[in-house]
Structure formats: structure tokens, C-alpha cells
Amino acid sequence: MREYDLSSAHWRKSSYSDGNGGSCVEVADKVPGAVPVRDSKVTGGPVIVVGAAAWTEFLRTVGPLASR
């Protein structure tokens, strides 16, 4: 399994996050071929690193559901 140095990662709240302080997901930019994901309320907690192609497919699948 590949390890990523995310110590200087620039995290941003996902546009799919709840704006009311609820479900807050952050993603890190500029990690070639991968998308690190974490809970913004637990910034020192675990990070899931998803392949870029899998992340794109995930967004394509859940995007229409989020707009309901």
C-alpha cells in the first residue's frame, strides 16, 4: 500500500458537505492520482485515500442523489 505525506496538504471542504456544521467532508488537493478524504471535525483523525478515477466515479454516482 502506498503512503502519502499529507503534512502540508491543502484541505478544503467538499461542495457535497452539509453547510450546517453536520456532515463535513474535506478533500486535499494536488495529490497526484489520489484524493485524500477526512472528517473536517476530526482533522487529526484517519484519512481515506481514494484513487482519482474511483473518486470521479463516486461523484458521478452520488452527485444526482445529493441534489434531491
Protein backbone atom coordinates (compact mmCIF):
# COMPACT_ATOMS: atom_id res chain seq x y z
CA MET A 1 0.00 0.00 0.00
CA ARG A 2 1.36 3.42 -0.95
CA GLU A 3 1.83 6.05 1.74
CA TYR A 4 1.28 9.77 1.18
CA ASP A 5 2.88 12.67 3.03
CA LEU A 6 -0.13 14.87 3.79
CA SER A 7 1.62 17.08 6.36
CA SER A 8 1.48 20.08 4.03
CA ALA A 9 -1.74 19.16 2.24
CA HIS A 10 -4.21 21.93 1.45
CA TRP A 11 -7.58 20.70 2.70
CA ARG A 12 -10.89 22.14 1.52
CA LYS A 13 -14.44 21.35 2.46
CA SER A 14 -16.17 19.31 -0.21
CA SER A 15 -19.00 21.01 -2.05
CA TYR A 16 -21.06 17.96 -1.08
CA SER A 17 -20.73 18.75 2.64
CA ASP A 18 -23.63 19.95 4.73
CA GLY A 19 -23.29 23.72 5.32
CA ASN A 20 -24.88 23.49 8.78
CA GLY A 21 -21.91 22.02 10.64
CA GLY A 22 -23.19 18.49 10.15
CA SER A 23 -21.72 16.11 7.61
CA CYS A 24 -18.41 17.81 6.84
CA VAL A 25 -16.06 16.11 4.44
CA GLU A 26 -12.73 17.63 3.42
CA VAL A 27 -10.57 16.65 0.48
CA ALA A 28 -6.93 17.50 -0.18
CA ASP A 29 -5.84 18.96 -3.50
CA LYS A 30 -2.72 18.32 -5.54
CA VAL A 31 -2.06 14.70 -4.62
CA PRO A 32 -1.26 13.09 -7.99
CA GLY A 33 -3.60 10.22 -8.82
CA ALA A 34 -5.36 10.24 -5.46
CA VAL A 35 -7.94 12.10 -3.39
CA PRO A 36 -7.38 12.12 0.39
CA VAL A 37 -10.66 12.44 2.33
CA ARG A 38 -11.18 13.21 6.02
CA ASP A 39 -13.81 14.36 8.51
CA SER A 40 -13.35 18.11 8.99
CA LYS A 41 -14.46 17.82 12.60
CA VAL A 42 -11.61 15.37 13.35
CA THR A 43 -8.69 16.86 11.44
CA GLY A 44 -6.14 14.71 13.26
CA GLY A 45 -8.16 11.57 12.65
CA PRO A 46 -7.95 8.97 9.93
CA VAL A 47 -7.68 9.81 6.25
CA ILE A 48 -9.02 7.67 3.44
CA VAL A 49 -7.04 7.94 0.21
CA VAL A 50 -9.14 7.12 -2.85
CA GLY A 51 -7.82 6.68 -6.37
CA ALA A 52 -8.68 9.64 -8.61
CA ALA A 53 -10.66 7.52 -11.08
CA ALA A 54 -12.67 5.91 -8.27
CA TRP A 55 -13.36 9.35 -6.75
CA THR A 56 -14.61 10.65 -10.10
CA GLU A 57 -16.95 7.67 -10.44
CA PHE A 58 -18.14 8.12 -6.86
CA LEU A 59 -19.03 11.77 -7.53
CA ARG A 60 -20.74 10.84 -10.79
CA THR A 61 -22.86 8.32 -8.89
CA VAL A 62 -23.76 10.33 -5.77
CA GLY A 63 -23.95 13.77 -7.41
CA PRO A 64 -27.51 13.30 -8.69
CA LEU A 65 -28.55 11.88 -5.31
CA ALA A 66 -27.17 14.91 -3.45
CA SER A 67 -29.35 17.31 -5.42
CA ARG A 68 -32.59 15.56 -4.43
